[in-house]
Amino acid sequence: MRWTDACAAYPGQWLVVEALEVHTEVHGDACRRILDRLEVIELCADGRAAMHRYRELRRAMPGRELCFIHTSYPALELEAA
């Protein structure tokens, strides 16, 4: 699913998502990871619960690209390391 679809399906929610398709954009010194397609792994009650669940899932599935975010964000762009 795309981020706009997730926002429409889960308005005002904290989500743990897995990136299924991602690309990187570089603009000067800024490097952003753009999630083109994602899967909603879990709905969470609040930001603290989302962070906690994200950490649990990262330990259990270290090879998967996971993140937690609130659907109020207009775009899903992550700062790349």
PDB file of N, CA and C in Angstrom:
ATOM      1  N   MET A   1       0.842  -1.171   0.000  1.00  0.00           N
ATOM      2  CA  MET A   1       0.000   0.000   0.000  1.00  0.00           C
ATOM      3  C   MET A   1       0.887   1.234   0.000  1.00  0.00           C
ATOM      4  N   ARG A   2       0.363   2.311  -0.466  1.00  0.00           N
ATOM      5  CA  ARG A   2       1.077   3.592  -0.457  1.00  0.00           C
ATOM      6  C   ARG A   2       0.749   4.342   0.839  1.00  0.00           C
ATOM      7  N   TRP A   3       1.590   5.319   1.182  1.00  0.00           N
ATOM      8  CA  TRP A   3       1.404   6.075   2.414  1.00  0.00           C
ATOM      9  C   TRP A   3       0.049   6.778   2.429  1.00  0.00           C
ATOM     10  N   THR A   4      -0.356   7.366   1.315  1.00  0.00           N
ATOM     11  CA  THR A   4      -1.651   8.055   1.277  1.00  0.00           C
ATOM     12  C   THR A   4      -2.798   7.091   1.557  1.00  0.00           C
ATOM     13  N   ASP A   5      -2.669   5.855   1.079  1.00  0.00           N
ATOM     14  CA  ASP A   5      -3.695   4.836   1.350  1.00  0.00           C
ATOM     15  C   ASP A   5      -3.730   4.466   2.833  1.00  0.00           C
ATOM     16  N   ALA A   6      -2.548   4.355   3.446  1.00  0.00           N
ATOM     17  CA  ALA A   6      -2.469   4.042   4.879  1.00  0.00           C
ATOM     18  C   ALA A   6      -3.085   5.163   5.701  1.00  0.00           C
ATOM     19  N   CYS A   7      -2.808   6.399   5.325  1.00  0.00           N
ATOM     20  CA  CYS A   7      -3.375   7.549   6.053  1.00  0.00           C
ATOM     21  C   CYS A   7      -4.899   7.580   5.945  1.00  0.00           C
ATOM     22  N   ALA A   8      -5.420   7.235   4.771  1.00  0.00           N
ATOM     23  CA  ALA A   8      -6.868   7.216   4.575  1.00  0.00           C
ATOM     24  C   ALA A   8      -7.512   6.058   5.347  1.00  0.00           C
ATOM     25  N   ALA A   9      -6.838   4.919   5.381  1.00  0.00           N
ATOM     26  CA  ALA A   9      -7.386   3.743   6.064  1.00  0.00           C
ATOM     27  C   ALA A   9      -7.277   3.837   7.581  1.00  0.00           C
ATOM     28  N   TYR A  10      -6.235   4.528   8.070  1.00  0.00           N
ATOM     29  CA  TYR A  10      -5.968   4.610   9.514  1.00  0.00           C
ATOM     30  C   TYR A  10      -5.761   6.061   9.947  1.00  0.00           C
ATOM     31  N   PRO A  11      -6.752   6.924   9.790  1.00  0.00           N
ATOM     32  CA  PRO A  11      -6.562   8.338  10.142  1.00  0.00           C
ATOM     33  C   PRO A  11      -6.300   8.529  11.639  1.00  0.00           C
ATOM     34  N   GLY A  12      -5.336   9.390  11.945  1.00  0.00           N
ATOM     35  CA  GLY A  12      -5.040   9.724  13.337  1.00  0.00           C
ATOM     36  C   GLY A  12      -4.487   8.577  14.158  1.00  0.00           C
ATOM     37  N   GLN A  13      -3.788   7.642  13.520  1.00  0.00           N
ATOM     38  CA  GLN A  13      -3.287   6.450  14.209  1.00  0.00           C
ATOM     39  C   GLN A  13      -1.760   6.379  14.189  1.00  0.00           C
ATOM     40  N   TRP A  14      -1.213   5.757  15.219  1.00  0.00           N
ATOM     41  CA  TRP A  14       0.203   5.382  15.240  1.00  0.00           C
ATOM     42  C   TRP A  14       0.313   3.997  14.626  1.00  0.00           C
ATOM     43  N   LEU A  15       1.251   3.853  13.685  1.00  0.00           N
ATOM     44  CA  LEU A  15       1.441   2.592  12.980  1.00  0.00           C
ATOM     45  C   LEU A  15       2.878   2.117  13.082  1.00  0.00           C
ATOM     46  N   VAL A  16       3.057   0.820  13.067  1.00  0.00           N
ATOM     47  CA  VAL A  16       4.358   0.221  12.793  1.00  0.00           C
ATOM     48  C   VAL A  16       4.229  -0.328  11.382  1.00  0.00           C
ATOM     49  N   VAL A  17       5.133   0.086  10.503  1.00  0.00           N
ATOM     50  CA  VAL A  17       5.059  -0.323   9.102  1.00  0.00           C
ATOM     51  C   VAL A  17       6.371  -0.960   8.659  1.00  0.00           C
ATOM     52  N   GLU A  18       6.272  -1.767   7.623  1.00  0.00           N
ATOM     53  CA  GLU A  18       7.451  -2.338   6.989  1.00  0.00           C
ATOM     54  C   GLU A  18       7.559  -1.757   5.590  1.00  0.00           C
ATOM     55  N   ALA A  19       8.751  -1.291   5.250  1.00  0.00           N
ATOM     56  CA  ALA A  19       9.000  -0.784   3.906  1.00  0.00           C
ATOM     57  C   ALA A  19       9.178  -1.960   2.956  1.00  0.00           C
ATOM     58  N   LEU A  20       8.366  -1.999   1.908  1.00  0.00           N
ATOM     59  CA  LEU A  20       8.460  -3.068   0.917  1.00  0.00           C
ATOM     60  C   LEU A  20       9.206  -2.600  -0.331  1.00  0.00           C
ATOM     61  N   GLU A  21       8.997  -1.347  -0.715  1.00  0.00           N
ATOM     62  CA  GLU A  21       9.725  -0.728  -1.825  1.00  0.00           C
ATOM     63  C   GLU A  21      10.173   0.651  -1.374  1.00  0.00           C
ATOM     64  N   VAL A  22      11.472   0.921  -1.536  1.00  0.00           N
ATOM     65  CA  VAL A  22      12.065   2.159  -1.044  1.00  0.00           C
ATOM     66  C   VAL A  22      13.044   2.688  -2.084  1.00  0.00           C
ATOM     67  N   HIS A  23      13.144   4.011  -2.165  1.00  0.00           N
ATOM     68  CA  HIS A  23      14.222   4.599  -2.947  1.00  0.00           C
ATOM     69  C   HIS A  23      14.843   5.735  -2.146  1.00  0.00           C
ATOM     70  N   THR A  24      16.055   6.108  -2.518  1.00  0.00           N
ATOM     71  CA  THR A  24      16.791   7.158  -1.815  1.00  0.00           C
ATOM     72  C   THR A  24      16.942   8.365  -2.723  1.00  0.00           C
ATOM     73  N   GLU A  25      16.720   9.542  -2.173  1.00  0.00           N
ATOM     74  CA  GLU A  25      16.920  10.789  -2.895  1.00  0.00           C
ATOM     75  C   GLU A  25      17.973  11.600  -2.160  1.00  0.00           C
ATOM     76  N   VAL A  26      18.917  12.153  -2.928  1.00  0.00           N
ATOM     77  CA  VAL A  26      19.978  12.974  -2.355  1.00  0.00           C
ATOM     78  C   VAL A  26      19.835  14.384  -2.909  1.00  0.00           C
ATOM     79  N   HIS A  27      19.774  15.353  -2.001  1.00  0.00           N
ATOM     80  CA  HIS A  27      19.695  16.767  -2.358  1.00  0.00           C
ATOM     81  C   HIS A  27      20.760  17.502  -1.547  1.00  0.00           C
ATOM     82  N   GLY A  28      21.895  17.767  -2.167  1.00  0.00           N
ATOM     83  CA  GLY A  28      22.993  18.390  -1.442  1.00  0.00           C
ATOM     84  C   GLY A  28      23.504  17.455  -0.369  1.00  0.00           C
ATOM     85  N   ASP A  29      23.497  17.915   0.878  1.00  0.00           N
ATOM     86  CA  ASP A  29      23.947  17.090   2.000  1.00  0.00           C
ATOM     87  C   ASP A  29      22.820  16.245   2.590  1.00  0.00           C
ATOM     88  N   ALA A  30      21.594  16.483   2.158  1.00  0.00           N
ATOM     89  CA  ALA A  30      20.441  15.752   2.707  1.00  0.00           C
ATOM     90  C   ALA A  30      20.187  14.482   1.904  1.00  0.00           C
ATOM     91  N   CYS A  31      19.978  13.413   2.635  1.00  0.00           N
ATOM     92  CA  CYS A  31      19.695  12.115   2.025  1.00  0.00           C
ATOM     93  C   CYS A  31      18.415  11.582   2.658  1.00  0.00           C
ATOM     94  N   ARG A  32      17.408  11.307   1.826  1.00  0.00           N
ATOM     95  CA  ARG A  32      16.109  10.853   2.318  1.00  0.00           C
ATOM     96  C   ARG A  32      15.756   9.489   1.737  1.00  0.00           C
ATOM     97  N   ARG A  33      15.177   8.643   2.586  1.00  0.00           N
ATOM     98  CA  ARG A  33      14.632   7.364   2.151  1.00  0.00           C
ATOM     99  C   ARG A  33      13.135   7.573   1.962  1.00  0.00           C
ATOM    100  N   ILE A  34      12.644   7.293   0.788  1.00  0.00           N
ATOM    101  CA  ILE A  34      11.235   7.457   0.463  1.00  0.00           C
ATOM    102  C   ILE A  34      10.608   6.070   0.371  1.00  0.00           C
ATOM    103  N   LEU A  35       9.580   5.840   1.180  1.00  0.00           N
ATOM    104  CA  LEU A  35       8.888   4.550   1.156  1.00  0.00           C
ATOM    105  C   LEU A  35       7.802   4.611   0.097  1.00  0.00           C
ATOM    106  N   ASP A  36       8.010   3.883  -0.989  1.00  0.00           N
ATOM    107  CA  ASP A  36       7.057   3.873  -2.093  1.00  0.00           C
ATOM    108  C   ASP A  36       5.895   2.927  -1.814  1.00  0.00           C
ATOM    109  N   ARG A  37       6.190   1.810  -1.174  1.00  0.00           N
ATOM    110  CA  ARG A  37       5.159   0.824  -0.852  1.00  0.00           C
ATOM    111  C   ARG A  37       5.460   0.257   0.517  1.00  0.00           C
ATOM    112  N   LEU A  38       4.433   0.100   1.328  1.00  0.00           N
ATOM    113  CA  LEU A  38       4.619  -0.375   2.693  1.00  0.00           C
ATOM    114  C   LEU A  38       3.507  -1.318   3.084  1.00  0.00           C
ATOM    115  N   GLU A  39       3.754  -2.017   4.179  1.00  0.00           N
ATOM    116  CA  GLU A  39       2.741  -2.876   4.772  1.00  0.00           C
ATOM    117  C   GLU A  39       2.549  -2.435   6.219  1.00  0.00           C
ATOM    118  N   VAL A  40       1.313  -2.255   6.618  1.00  0.00           N
ATOM    119  CA  VAL A  40       1.012  -1.932   8.009  1.00  0.00           C
ATOM    120  C   VAL A  40       1.138  -3.216   8.809  1.00  0.00           C
ATOM    121  N   ILE A  41       2.053  -3.199   9.787  1.00  0.00           N
ATOM    122  CA  ILE A  41       2.291  -4.361  10.628  1.00  0.00           C
ATOM    123  C   ILE A  41       1.388  -4.327  11.857  1.00  0.00           C
ATOM    124  N   GLU A  42       1.248  -3.131  12.431  1.00  0.00           N
ATOM    125  CA  GLU A  42       0.462  -3.046  13.673  1.00  0.00           C
ATOM    126  C   GLU A  42      -0.041  -1.632  13.910  1.00  0.00           C
ATOM    127  N   LEU A  43      -1.245  -1.525  14.455  1.00  0.00           N
ATOM    128  CA  LEU A  43      -1.799  -0.270  14.954  1.00  0.00           C
ATOM    129  C   LEU A  43      -1.439  -0.164  16.427  1.00  0.00           C
ATOM    130  N   CYS A  44      -1.096   1.028  16.888  1.00  0.00           N
ATOM    131  CA  CYS A  44      -0.705   1.204  18.291  1.00  0.00           C
ATOM    132  C   CYS A  44      -1.533   2.309  18.933  1.00  0.00           C
ATOM    133  N   ALA A  45      -1.703   2.201  20.240  1.00  0.00           N
ATOM    134  CA  ALA A  45      -2.542   3.141  20.982  1.00  0.00           C
ATOM    135  C   ALA A  45      -1.964   4.548  21.028  1.00  0.00           C
ATOM    136  N   ASP A  46      -0.639   4.658  21.094  1.00  0.00           N
ATOM    137  CA  ASP A  46       0.015   5.961  21.176  1.00  0.00           C
ATOM    138  C   ASP A  46       1.463   5.822  20.718  1.00  0.00           C
ATOM    139  N   GLY A  47       2.184   6.947  20.726  1.00  0.00           N
ATOM    140  CA  GLY A  47       3.570   6.944  20.264  1.00  0.00           C
ATOM    141  C   GLY A  47       4.489   6.075  21.095  1.00  0.00           C
ATOM    142  N   ARG A  48       4.276   6.050  22.382  1.00  0.00           N
ATOM    143  CA  ARG A  48       5.111   5.219  23.260  1.00  0.00           C
ATOM    144  C   ARG A  48       4.912   3.735  22.956  1.00  0.00           C
ATOM    145  N   ALA A  49       3.661   3.331  22.773  1.00  0.00           N
ATOM    146  CA  ALA A  49       3.376   1.937  22.440  1.00  0.00           C
ATOM    147  C   ALA A  49       3.949   1.577  21.073  1.00  0.00           C
ATOM    148  N   ALA A  50       3.883   2.510  20.129  1.00  0.00           N
ATOM    149  CA  ALA A  50       4.433   2.267  18.792  1.00  0.00           C
ATOM    150  C   ALA A  50       5.945   2.076  18.851  1.00  0.00           C
ATOM    151  N   MET A  51       6.627   2.920  19.619  1.00  0.00           N
ATOM    152  CA  MET A  51       8.079   2.797  19.747  1.00  0.00           C
ATOM    153  C   MET A  51       8.448   1.472  20.409  1.00  0.00           C
ATOM    154  N   HIS A  52       7.723   1.109  21.452  1.00  0.00           N
ATOM    155  CA  HIS A  52       7.990  -0.147  22.158  1.00  0.00           C
ATOM    156  C   HIS A  52       7.808  -1.346  21.231  1.00  0.00           C
ATOM    157  N   ARG A  53       6.703  -1.350  20.495  1.00  0.00           N
ATOM    158  CA  ARG A  53       6.439  -2.467  19.588  1.00  0.00           C
ATOM    159  C   ARG A  53       7.456  -2.509  18.454  1.00  0.00           C
ATOM    160  N   TYR A  54       7.833  -1.335  17.946  1.00  0.00           N
ATOM    161  CA  TYR A  54       8.864  -1.249  16.915  1.00  0.00           C
ATOM    162  C   TYR A  54      10.167  -1.902  17.397  1.00  0.00           C
ATOM    163  N   ARG A  55      10.574  -1.571  18.612  1.00  0.00           N
ATOM    164  CA  ARG A  55      11.807  -2.142  19.171  1.00  0.00           C
ATOM    165  C   ARG A  55      11.715  -3.662  19.299  1.00  0.00           C
ATOM    166  N   GLU A  56      10.574  -4.151  19.754  1.00  0.00           N
ATOM    167  CA  GLU A  56      10.382  -5.606  19.858  1.00  0.00           C
ATOM    168  C   GLU A  56      10.508  -6.277  18.488  1.00  0.00           C
ATOM    169  N   LEU A  57       9.851  -5.707  17.511  1.00  0.00           N
ATOM    170  CA  LEU A  57       9.868  -6.283  16.171  1.00  0.00           C
ATOM    171  C   LEU A  57      11.259  -6.205  15.534  1.00  0.00           C
ATOM    172  N   ARG A  58      11.989  -5.121  15.781  1.00  0.00           N
ATOM    173  CA  ARG A  58      13.349  -4.982  15.246  1.00  0.00           C
ATOM    174  C   ARG A  58      14.263  -6.066  15.800  1.00  0.00           C
ATOM    175  N   ARG A  59      14.104  -6.371  17.092  1.00  0.00           N
ATOM    176  CA  ARG A  59      14.903  -7.449  17.693  1.00  0.00           C
ATOM    177  C   ARG A  59      14.529  -8.801  17.093  1.00  0.00           C
ATOM    178  N   ALA A  60      13.256  -9.023  16.871  1.00  0.00           N
ATOM    179  CA  ALA A  60      12.779 -10.298  16.351  1.00  0.00           C
ATOM    180  C   ALA A  60      13.047 -10.469  14.858  1.00  0.00           C
ATOM    181  N   MET A  61      13.064  -9.353  14.112  1.00  0.00           N
ATOM    182  CA  MET A  61      13.214  -9.409  12.651  1.00  0.00           C
ATOM    183  C   MET A  61      14.234  -8.365  12.180  1.00  0.00           C
ATOM    184  N   PRO A  62      15.498  -8.547  12.524  1.00  0.00           N
ATOM    185  CA  PRO A  62      16.493  -7.503  12.234  1.00  0.00           C
ATOM    186  C   PRO A  62      16.720  -7.234  10.750  1.00  0.00           C
ATOM    187  N   GLY A  63      16.371  -8.148   9.883  1.00  0.00           N
ATOM    188  CA  GLY A  63      16.602  -7.959   8.457  1.00  0.00           C
ATOM    189  C   GLY A  63      15.514  -7.181   7.735  1.00  0.00           C
ATOM    190  N   ARG A  64      14.439  -6.845   8.436  1.00  0.00           N
ATOM    191  CA  ARG A  64      13.327  -6.134   7.807  1.00  0.00           C
ATOM    192  C   ARG A  64      13.426  -4.644   8.088  1.00  0.00           C
ATOM    193  N   GLU A  65      13.006  -3.831   7.132  1.00  0.00           N
ATOM    194  CA  GLU A  65      13.059  -2.376   7.280  1.00  0.00           C
ATOM    195  C   GLU A  65      11.736  -1.887   7.862  1.00  0.00           C
ATOM    196  N   LEU A  66      11.752  -1.620   9.165  1.00  0.00           N
ATOM    197  CA  LEU A  66      10.558  -1.222   9.904  1.00  0.00           C
ATOM    198  C   LEU A  66      10.680   0.217  10.374  1.00  0.00           C
ATOM    199  N   CYS A  67       9.535   0.861  10.596  1.00  0.00           N
ATOM    200  CA  CYS A  67       9.522   2.174  11.232  1.00  0.00           C
ATOM    201  C   CYS A  67       8.162   2.365  11.895  1.00  0.00           C
ATOM    202  N   PHE A  68       8.085   3.348  12.780  1.00  0.00           N
ATOM    203  CA  PHE A  68       6.808   3.685  13.391  1.00  0.00           C
ATOM    204  C   PHE A  68       6.550   5.155  13.117  1.00  0.00           C
ATOM    205  N   ILE A  69       5.289   5.480  12.850  1.00  0.00           N
ATOM    206  CA  ILE A  69       4.948   6.844  12.452  1.00  0.00           C
ATOM    207  C   ILE A  69       3.454   7.080  12.650  1.00  0.00           C
ATOM    208  N   HIS A  70       3.101   8.334  12.818  1.00  0.00           N
ATOM    209  CA  HIS A  70       1.701   8.731  12.954  1.00  0.00           C
ATOM    210  C   HIS A  70       1.168   9.126  11.583  1.00  0.00           C
ATOM    211  N   THR A  71      -0.075   8.788  11.307  1.00  0.00           N
ATOM    212  CA  THR A  71      -0.634   9.053   9.985  1.00  0.00           C
ATOM    213  C   THR A  71      -0.933  10.531   9.727  1.00  0.00           C
ATOM    214  N   SER A  72      -0.666  11.403  10.678  1.00  0.00           N
ATOM    215  CA  SER A  72      -0.828  12.825  10.433  1.00  0.00           C
ATOM    216  C   SER A  72       0.299  13.393   9.574  1.00  0.00           C
ATOM    217  N   TYR A  73       1.400  12.661   9.428  1.00  0.00           N
ATOM    218  CA  TYR A  73       2.504  13.118   8.579  1.00  0.00           C
ATOM    219  C   TYR A  73       2.046  13.065   7.112  1.00  0.00           C
ATOM    220  N   PRO A  74       2.233  14.155   6.368  1.00  0.00           N
ATOM    221  CA  PRO A  74       1.738  14.184   4.988  1.00  0.00           C
ATOM    222  C   PRO A  74       2.529  13.290   4.030  1.00  0.00           C
ATOM    223  N   ALA A  75       3.798  13.076   4.322  1.00  0.00           N
ATOM    224  CA  ALA A  75       4.640  12.245   3.456  1.00  0.00           C
ATOM    225  C   ALA A  75       5.508  11.355   4.325  1.00  0.00           C
ATOM    226  N   LEU A  76       5.853  10.214   3.796  1.00  0.00           N
ATOM    227  CA  LEU A  76       6.681   9.270   4.548  1.00  0.00           C
ATOM    228  C   LEU A  76       8.086   9.302   3.966  1.00  0.00           C
ATOM    229  N   GLU A  77       8.879  10.241   4.488  1.00  0.00           N
ATOM    230  CA  GLU A  77      10.266  10.400   4.096  1.00  0.00           C
ATOM    231  C   GLU A  77      11.123  10.303   5.353  1.00  0.00           C
ATOM    232  N   LEU A  78      12.098   9.426   5.317  1.00  0.00           N
ATOM    233  CA  LEU A  78      12.943   9.197   6.482  1.00  0.00           C
ATOM    234  C   LEU A  78      14.348   9.689   6.194  1.00  0.00           C
ATOM    235  N   GLU A  79      14.975  10.264   7.179  1.00  0.00           N
ATOM    236  CA  GLU A  79      16.362  10.690   7.036  1.00  0.00           C
ATOM    237  C   GLU A  79      17.256   9.467   6.971  1.00  0.00           C
ATOM    238  N   ALA A  80      18.050   9.384   5.928  1.00  0.00           N
ATOM    239  CA  ALA A  80      18.964   8.234   5.769  1.00  0.00           C
ATOM    240  C   ALA A  80      20.264   8.513   6.505  1.00  0.00           C
ATOM    241  N   ALA A  81      20.813   7.465   7.061  1.00  0.00           N
ATOM    242  CA  ALA A  81      22.070   7.600   7.791  1.00  0.00           C
ATOM    243  C   ALA A  81      23.250   7.568   6.858  1.00  0.00           C
TER     244      ALA A  81
END
